[in-house]
Amino acid sequence: MNIKQAGELFGLTTETLRYYERVGVIPQVARNKSGYREFTISDLNWVYLVTTLRSAGLSIESLIEFCQLSQLRDGQDIGGAQKQVLRDERDELDDKIDHLKDVRALLDYKLEHYDDHVAKFNAGEPVEKLWENPPRHQD
């Protein structure tokens, strides 16, 4: 598959794919006799993984580290190191998810009590300090 087709498959520009390859987010893609990139299934799996992880907020630096680890072949425990990168990123993502759930709980609370809050505000009554006891999500 050529670079244009790979980009279309994942909703990326050819420039983004070239950038990912240049900085090491994905391994080098083999080229055909004419010098054009030929994406294999393995290459496409890398693009899918990177695209998905980037959409979840993973940093380019973490993805570069993960990719570089995949290319080591000197007997090091690359699998363990790669798993640790993924675990660290998963933990960070879990923290973000918890934060988003708390934001959702706050929005739900505000929607549920909106009319009462506006009535108190308009009547000049004291309003609550949301930051002192913010609504939290329930697991």
N, C-alpha and C. Protein backbone atom coordinates (compact mmCIF):
# COMPACT_ATOMS: atom_id res chain seq x y z
N MET A 1 0.86 -1.17 0.00
CA MET A 1 0.00 0.00 0.00
C MET A 1 0.90 1.23 0.00
N ASN A 2 0.57 2.22 -0.81
CA ASN A 2 1.40 3.43 -0.85
C ASN A 2 1.01 4.39 0.28
N ILE A 3 1.78 5.45 0.41
CA ILE A 3 1.60 6.37 1.53
C ILE A 3 0.25 7.09 1.47
N LYS A 4 -0.19 7.42 0.27
CA LYS A 4 -1.48 8.10 0.15
C LYS A 4 -2.61 7.19 0.61
N GLN A 5 -2.57 5.93 0.21
CA GLN A 5 -3.60 4.97 0.63
C GLN A 5 -3.54 4.74 2.13
N ALA A 6 -2.34 4.64 2.68
CA ALA A 6 -2.20 4.45 4.13
C ALA A 6 -2.77 5.65 4.87
N GLY A 7 -2.48 6.84 4.39
CA GLY A 7 -3.02 8.03 5.02
C GLY A 7 -4.53 8.06 4.99
N GLU A 8 -5.10 7.73 3.84
CA GLU A 8 -6.56 7.71 3.71
C GLU A 8 -7.18 6.67 4.62
N LEU A 9 -6.51 5.53 4.77
CA LEU A 9 -7.03 4.46 5.62
C LEU A 9 -7.22 4.93 7.06
N PHE A 10 -6.29 5.77 7.54
CA PHE A 10 -6.32 6.19 8.93
C PHE A 10 -6.65 7.67 9.13
N GLY A 11 -7.04 8.34 8.05
CA GLY A 11 -7.40 9.75 8.17
C GLY A 11 -6.23 10.65 8.47
N LEU A 12 -5.06 10.31 7.94
CA LEU A 12 -3.85 11.10 8.15
C LEU A 12 -3.36 11.66 6.83
N THR A 13 -2.64 12.74 6.91
CA THR A 13 -2.02 13.27 5.71
C THR A 13 -0.72 12.53 5.44
N THR A 14 -0.28 12.61 4.21
CA THR A 14 1.01 11.99 3.88
C THR A 14 2.13 12.68 4.65
N GLU A 15 1.97 13.97 4.91
CA GLU A 15 2.98 14.70 5.67
C GLU A 15 3.08 14.16 7.10
N THR A 16 1.94 13.83 7.69
CA THR A 16 1.96 13.28 9.05
C THR A 16 2.67 11.93 9.06
N LEU A 17 2.37 11.09 8.09
CA LEU A 17 3.04 9.79 8.03
C LEU A 17 4.54 9.94 7.83
N ARG A 18 4.95 10.86 6.99
CA ARG A 18 6.38 11.10 6.79
C ARG A 18 7.02 11.60 8.08
N TYR A 19 6.31 12.50 8.78
CA TYR A 19 6.81 13.02 10.06
C TYR A 19 6.97 11.89 11.08
N TYR A 20 5.94 11.05 11.20
CA TYR A 20 6.01 9.94 12.15
C TYR A 20 7.22 9.05 11.86
N GLU A 21 7.47 8.80 10.60
CA GLU A 21 8.62 7.97 10.23
C GLU A 21 9.93 8.71 10.51
N ARG A 22 10.00 9.99 10.16
CA ARG A 22 11.23 10.77 10.32
C ARG A 22 11.65 10.87 11.78
N VAL A 23 10.68 11.12 12.69
CA VAL A 23 11.05 11.29 14.11
C VAL A 23 11.13 9.97 14.85
N GLY A 24 10.69 8.88 14.22
CA GLY A 24 10.82 7.58 14.86
C GLY A 24 9.61 7.12 15.63
N VAL A 25 8.44 7.67 15.33
CA VAL A 25 7.22 7.21 15.98
C VAL A 25 6.79 5.86 15.39
N ILE A 26 7.07 5.69 14.11
CA ILE A 26 6.88 4.39 13.46
C ILE A 26 8.22 3.97 12.87
N PRO A 27 8.45 2.67 12.74
CA PRO A 27 9.70 2.22 12.12
C PRO A 27 9.78 2.67 10.66
N GLN A 28 11.00 2.65 10.13
CA GLN A 28 11.21 2.99 8.73
C GLN A 28 10.39 2.06 7.84
N VAL A 29 9.72 2.65 6.86
CA VAL A 29 8.90 1.90 5.92
C VAL A 29 9.77 1.55 4.71
N ALA A 30 9.70 0.30 4.29
CA ALA A 30 10.49 -0.14 3.13
C ALA A 30 10.02 0.61 1.89
N ARG A 31 10.94 0.74 0.95
CA ARG A 31 10.63 1.43 -0.29
C ARG A 31 10.74 0.48 -1.47
N ASN A 32 9.94 0.76 -2.48
CA ASN A 32 9.98 -0.07 -3.68
C ASN A 32 11.13 0.38 -4.60
N LYS A 33 11.25 -0.23 -5.75
CA LYS A 33 12.33 0.09 -6.69
C LYS A 33 12.33 1.54 -7.12
N SER A 34 11.16 2.14 -7.12
CA SER A 34 11.05 3.55 -7.53
C SER A 34 11.32 4.51 -6.38
N GLY A 35 11.53 3.98 -5.18
CA GLY A 35 11.81 4.82 -4.02
C GLY A 35 10.59 5.24 -3.23
N TYR A 36 9.44 4.72 -3.60
CA TYR A 36 8.20 5.05 -2.89
C TYR A 36 7.98 4.10 -1.73
N ARG A 37 7.41 4.63 -0.65
CA ARG A 37 7.12 3.80 0.52
C ARG A 37 6.06 2.77 0.16
N GLU A 38 6.28 1.56 0.65
CA GLU A 38 5.32 0.47 0.48
C GLU A 38 4.96 -0.03 1.88
N PHE A 39 3.78 0.34 2.36
CA PHE A 39 3.35 -0.03 3.71
C PHE A 39 2.88 -1.48 3.74
N THR A 40 3.46 -2.25 4.66
CA THR A 40 3.06 -3.63 4.88
C THR A 40 1.98 -3.66 5.96
N ILE A 41 1.45 -4.83 6.21
CA ILE A 41 0.47 -4.96 7.30
C ILE A 41 1.10 -4.56 8.63
N SER A 42 2.35 -4.94 8.84
CA SER A 42 3.04 -4.56 10.07
C SER A 42 3.16 -3.04 10.18
N ASP A 43 3.52 -2.39 9.07
CA ASP A 43 3.60 -0.92 9.08
C ASP A 43 2.25 -0.30 9.39
N LEU A 44 1.21 -0.84 8.77
CA LEU A 44 -0.14 -0.32 9.01
C LEU A 44 -0.58 -0.54 10.45
N ASN A 45 -0.19 -1.66 11.05
CA ASN A 45 -0.48 -1.89 12.46
C ASN A 45 0.19 -0.83 13.33
N TRP A 46 1.43 -0.48 12.99
CA TRP A 46 2.12 0.58 13.72
C TRP A 46 1.37 1.91 13.60
N VAL A 47 0.96 2.24 12.37
CA VAL A 47 0.25 3.50 12.15
C VAL A 47 -1.06 3.50 12.95
N TYR A 48 -1.77 2.39 12.93
CA TYR A 48 -3.03 2.29 13.69
C TYR A 48 -2.76 2.47 15.19
N LEU A 49 -1.76 1.78 15.71
CA LEU A 49 -1.42 1.88 17.13
C LEU A 49 -1.09 3.32 17.50
N VAL A 50 -0.21 3.93 16.73
CA VAL A 50 0.22 5.30 17.01
C VAL A 50 -0.95 6.27 16.92
N THR A 51 -1.76 6.13 15.88
CA THR A 51 -2.91 7.02 15.70
C THR A 51 -3.87 6.91 16.87
N THR A 52 -4.14 5.69 17.29
CA THR A 52 -5.06 5.47 18.40
C THR A 52 -4.49 6.02 19.70
N LEU A 53 -3.22 5.74 19.97
CA LEU A 53 -2.61 6.21 21.20
C LEU A 53 -2.49 7.74 21.22
N ARG A 54 -2.18 8.34 20.07
CA ARG A 54 -2.11 9.80 20.00
C ARG A 54 -3.48 10.42 20.27
N SER A 55 -4.53 9.79 19.75
CA SER A 55 -5.88 10.34 19.96
C SER A 55 -6.27 10.29 21.44
N ALA A 56 -5.62 9.42 22.19
CA ALA A 56 -5.88 9.33 23.63
C ALA A 56 -4.95 10.24 24.42
N GLY A 57 -4.08 10.97 23.72
CA GLY A 57 -3.24 11.95 24.39
C GLY A 57 -1.83 11.50 24.70
N LEU A 58 -1.40 10.35 24.22
CA LEU A 58 -0.03 9.93 24.47
C LEU A 58 0.94 10.85 23.76
N SER A 59 2.05 11.07 24.39
CA SER A 59 3.03 12.01 23.85
C SER A 59 3.82 11.38 22.72
N ILE A 60 4.30 12.23 21.84
CA ILE A 60 5.19 11.79 20.76
C ILE A 60 6.43 11.13 21.36
N GLU A 61 6.94 11.70 22.45
CA GLU A 61 8.15 11.17 23.08
C GLU A 61 7.96 9.73 23.55
N SER A 62 6.81 9.44 24.16
CA SER A 62 6.54 8.08 24.62
C SER A 62 6.44 7.12 23.44
N LEU A 63 5.82 7.59 22.37
CA LEU A 63 5.68 6.73 21.19
C LEU A 63 7.03 6.49 20.52
N ILE A 64 7.89 7.49 20.52
CA ILE A 64 9.24 7.32 19.97
C ILE A 64 9.99 6.29 20.80
N GLU A 65 9.91 6.41 22.12
CA GLU A 65 10.58 5.45 23.01
C GLU A 65 10.07 4.03 22.75
N PHE A 66 8.76 3.89 22.64
CA PHE A 66 8.17 2.57 22.38
C PHE A 66 8.67 2.01 21.06
N CYS A 67 8.70 2.83 20.03
CA CYS A 67 9.16 2.39 18.71
C CYS A 67 10.64 2.03 18.74
N GLN A 68 11.45 2.86 19.40
CA GLN A 68 12.88 2.57 19.48
C GLN A 68 13.14 1.26 20.20
N LEU A 69 12.38 1.01 21.24
CA LEU A 69 12.54 -0.26 21.96
C LEU A 69 12.23 -1.46 21.06
N SER A 70 11.29 -1.29 20.16
CA SER A 70 10.92 -2.40 19.29
C SER A 70 12.03 -2.74 18.30
N GLN A 71 12.93 -1.82 18.11
CA GLN A 71 13.98 -2.03 17.12
C GLN A 71 15.30 -2.52 17.71
N LEU A 72 15.35 -2.67 19.03
CA LEU A 72 16.54 -3.22 19.68
C LEU A 72 16.58 -4.72 19.47
N ARG A 73 17.74 -5.23 19.22
CA ARG A 73 17.87 -6.67 18.97
C ARG A 73 19.10 -7.26 19.64
N ASP A 74 19.58 -6.62 20.69
CA ASP A 74 20.83 -7.08 21.28
C ASP A 74 20.63 -7.94 22.54
N GLY A 75 19.52 -8.62 22.61
CA GLY A 75 19.28 -9.51 23.75
C GLY A 75 18.68 -8.83 24.96
N GLN A 76 18.44 -7.53 24.88
CA GLN A 76 17.83 -6.83 26.01
C GLN A 76 16.38 -7.26 26.15
N ASP A 77 15.84 -7.04 27.32
CA ASP A 77 14.43 -7.36 27.57
C ASP A 77 13.57 -6.23 27.00
N ILE A 78 13.47 -6.19 25.68
CA ILE A 78 12.71 -5.12 25.07
C ILE A 78 11.22 -5.26 25.34
N GLY A 79 10.75 -6.51 25.42
CA GLY A 79 9.33 -6.72 25.70
C GLY A 79 8.93 -6.13 27.03
N GLY A 80 9.76 -6.35 28.04
CA GLY A 80 9.48 -5.80 29.37
C GLY A 80 9.51 -4.29 29.37
N ALA A 81 10.47 -3.73 28.66
CA ALA A 81 10.58 -2.27 28.60
C ALA A 81 9.40 -1.67 27.83
N GLN A 82 9.01 -2.31 26.74
CA GLN A 82 7.86 -1.82 25.99
C GLN A 82 6.59 -1.92 26.83
N LYS A 83 6.43 -3.02 27.52
CA LYS A 83 5.25 -3.18 28.38
C LYS A 83 5.21 -2.09 29.44
N GLN A 84 6.38 -1.74 29.99
CA GLN A 84 6.40 -0.70 31.02
C GLN A 84 5.98 0.64 30.45
N VAL A 85 6.43 0.96 29.23
CA VAL A 85 5.98 2.20 28.58
C VAL A 85 4.47 2.18 28.45
N LEU A 86 3.92 1.06 28.00
CA LEU A 86 2.47 0.96 27.84
C LEU A 86 1.75 1.04 29.18
N ARG A 87 2.30 0.39 30.21
CA ARG A 87 1.68 0.46 31.55
C ARG A 87 1.66 1.90 32.06
N ASP A 88 2.79 2.59 31.91
CA ASP A 88 2.88 3.98 32.38
C ASP A 88 1.85 4.84 31.66
N GLU A 89 1.75 4.66 30.36
CA GLU A 89 0.79 5.45 29.59
C GLU A 89 -0.65 5.08 29.95
N ARG A 90 -0.90 3.80 30.20
CA ARG A 90 -2.24 3.38 30.61
C ARG A 90 -2.60 4.02 31.95
N ASP A 91 -1.65 4.04 32.88
CA ASP A 91 -1.91 4.66 34.19
C ASP A 91 -2.22 6.15 34.04
N GLU A 92 -1.47 6.81 33.17
CA GLU A 92 -1.72 8.23 32.93
C GLU A 92 -3.10 8.43 32.31
N LEU A 93 -3.46 7.57 31.39
CA LEU A 93 -4.77 7.64 30.75
C LEU A 93 -5.88 7.40 31.78
N ASP A 94 -5.67 6.44 32.69
CA ASP A 94 -6.65 6.20 33.74
C ASP A 94 -6.87 7.45 34.59
N ASP A 95 -5.79 8.15 34.90
CA ASP A 95 -5.91 9.40 35.66
C ASP A 95 -6.73 10.44 34.88
N LYS A 96 -6.48 10.53 33.58
CA LYS A 96 -7.24 11.47 32.75
C LYS A 96 -8.72 11.08 32.70
N ILE A 97 -8.98 9.79 32.61
CA ILE A 97 -10.37 9.32 32.58
C ILE A 97 -11.06 9.67 33.89
N ASP A 98 -10.39 9.45 35.02
CA ASP A 98 -10.97 9.82 36.31
C ASP A 98 -11.26 11.31 36.37
N HIS A 99 -10.34 12.11 35.88
CA HIS A 99 -10.55 13.56 35.87
C HIS A 99 -11.77 13.92 35.01
N LEU A 100 -11.86 13.31 33.83
CA LEU A 100 -13.00 13.59 32.96
C LEU A 100 -14.31 13.14 33.60
N LYS A 101 -14.29 12.06 34.33
CA LYS A 101 -15.50 11.61 35.03
C LYS A 101 -15.89 12.60 36.11
N ASP A 102 -14.88 13.18 36.79
CA ASP A 102 -15.18 14.21 37.79
C ASP A 102 -15.77 15.46 37.14
N VAL A 103 -15.24 15.84 36.00
CA VAL A 103 -15.79 16.99 35.27
C VAL A 103 -17.23 16.68 34.87
N ARG A 104 -17.47 15.47 34.41
CA ARG A 104 -18.83 15.06 34.04
C ARG A 104 -19.76 15.12 35.26
N ALA A 105 -19.29 14.68 36.41
CA ALA A 105 -20.10 14.73 37.63
C ALA A 105 -20.43 16.18 37.99
N LEU A 106 -19.47 17.07 37.82
CA LEU A 106 -19.73 18.49 38.10
C LEU A 106 -20.78 19.04 37.14
N LEU A 107 -20.66 18.71 35.86
CA LEU A 107 -21.66 19.17 34.89
C LEU A 107 -23.05 18.60 35.21
N ASP A 108 -23.11 17.34 35.55
CA ASP A 108 -24.39 16.74 35.93
C ASP A 108 -24.98 17.45 37.14
N TYR A 109 -24.15 17.74 38.12
CA TYR A 109 -24.59 18.44 39.32
C TYR A 109 -25.12 19.83 38.98
N LYS A 110 -24.37 20.54 38.16
CA LYS A 110 -24.79 21.90 37.78
C LYS A 110 -26.11 21.86 37.01
N LEU A 111 -26.27 20.90 36.12
CA LEU A 111 -27.51 20.79 35.37
C LEU A 111 -28.69 20.43 36.28
N GLU A 112 -28.44 19.53 37.20
CA GLU A 112 -29.49 19.09 38.12
C GLU A 112 -29.95 20.22 39.04
N HIS A 113 -29.02 21.10 39.45
CA HIS A 113 -29.34 22.16 40.41
C HIS A 113 -29.34 23.55 39.78
N TYR A 114 -29.34 23.62 38.50
CA TYR A 114 -29.19 24.89 37.80
C TYR A 114 -30.24 25.93 38.23
N ASP A 115 -31.50 25.56 38.17
CA ASP A 115 -32.57 26.52 38.49
C ASP A 115 -32.46 27.01 39.93
N ASP A 116 -32.14 26.11 40.87
CA ASP A 116 -31.98 26.51 42.28
C ASP A 116 -30.80 27.48 42.43
N HIS A 117 -29.69 27.19 41.76
CA HIS A 117 -28.51 28.06 41.87
C HIS A 117 -28.79 29.45 41.30
N VAL A 118 -29.45 29.48 40.17
CA VAL A 118 -29.77 30.78 39.56
C VAL A 118 -30.73 31.55 40.45
N ALA A 119 -31.72 30.88 41.04
CA ALA A 119 -32.68 31.54 41.93
C ALA A 119 -31.95 32.12 43.15
N LYS A 120 -31.05 31.35 43.76
CA LYS A 120 -30.28 31.85 44.91
C LYS A 120 -29.43 33.05 44.51
N PHE A 121 -28.77 32.93 43.39
CA PHE A 121 -27.90 34.01 42.92
C PHE A 121 -28.73 35.28 42.68
N ASN A 122 -29.85 35.14 42.01
CA ASN A 122 -30.70 36.30 41.71
C ASN A 122 -31.32 36.90 42.97
N ALA A 123 -31.53 36.08 43.99
CA ALA A 123 -32.11 36.57 45.24
C ALA A 123 -31.04 37.15 46.16
N GLY A 124 -29.78 37.06 45.74
CA GLY A 124 -28.71 37.61 46.56
C GLY A 124 -28.32 36.70 47.72
N GLU A 125 -28.77 35.48 47.67
CA GLU A 125 -28.42 34.52 48.73
C GLU A 125 -27.00 34.00 48.50
N PRO A 126 -26.37 33.54 49.58
CA PRO A 126 -25.01 32.99 49.43
C PRO A 126 -25.04 31.75 48.52
N VAL A 127 -24.02 31.65 47.72
CA VAL A 127 -23.90 30.48 46.86
C VAL A 127 -22.78 29.59 47.38
N GLU A 128 -22.86 28.34 47.03
CA GLU A 128 -21.87 27.38 47.53
C GLU A 128 -20.51 27.60 46.87
N LYS A 129 -19.48 27.13 47.55
CA LYS A 129 -18.12 27.15 47.02
C LYS A 129 -17.84 25.76 46.46
N LEU A 130 -18.04 25.62 45.19
CA LEU A 130 -17.92 24.31 44.55
C LEU A 130 -16.56 23.66 44.75
N TRP A 131 -15.53 24.45 44.80
CA TRP A 131 -14.18 23.89 44.90
C TRP A 131 -13.90 23.25 46.27
N GLU A 132 -14.70 23.61 47.29
CA GLU A 132 -14.47 23.05 48.62
C GLU A 132 -15.01 21.64 48.76
N ASN A 133 -16.05 21.32 48.03
CA ASN A 133 -16.63 19.97 48.09
C ASN A 133 -17.19 19.63 46.71
N PRO A 134 -16.30 19.49 45.74
CA PRO A 134 -16.79 19.27 44.38
C PRO A 134 -17.44 17.91 44.22
N PRO A 135 -18.44 17.82 43.37
CA PRO A 135 -19.04 16.52 43.08
C PRO A 135 -17.99 15.61 42.45
N ARG A 136 -18.00 14.35 42.84
CA ARG A 136 -17.06 13.35 42.28
C ARG A 136 -17.85 12.22 41.64
N HIS A 137 -17.24 11.60 40.65
CA HIS A 137 -17.90 10.46 40.01
C HIS A 137 -17.88 9.26 40.95
N GLN A 138 -18.86 8.41 40.78
CA GLN A 138 -18.95 7.18 41.55
C GLN A 138 -18.61 6.00 40.63
N ASP A 139 -17.69 5.19 41.03
CA ASP A 139 -17.31 4.02 40.18
C ASP A 139 -18.38 2.96 40.22
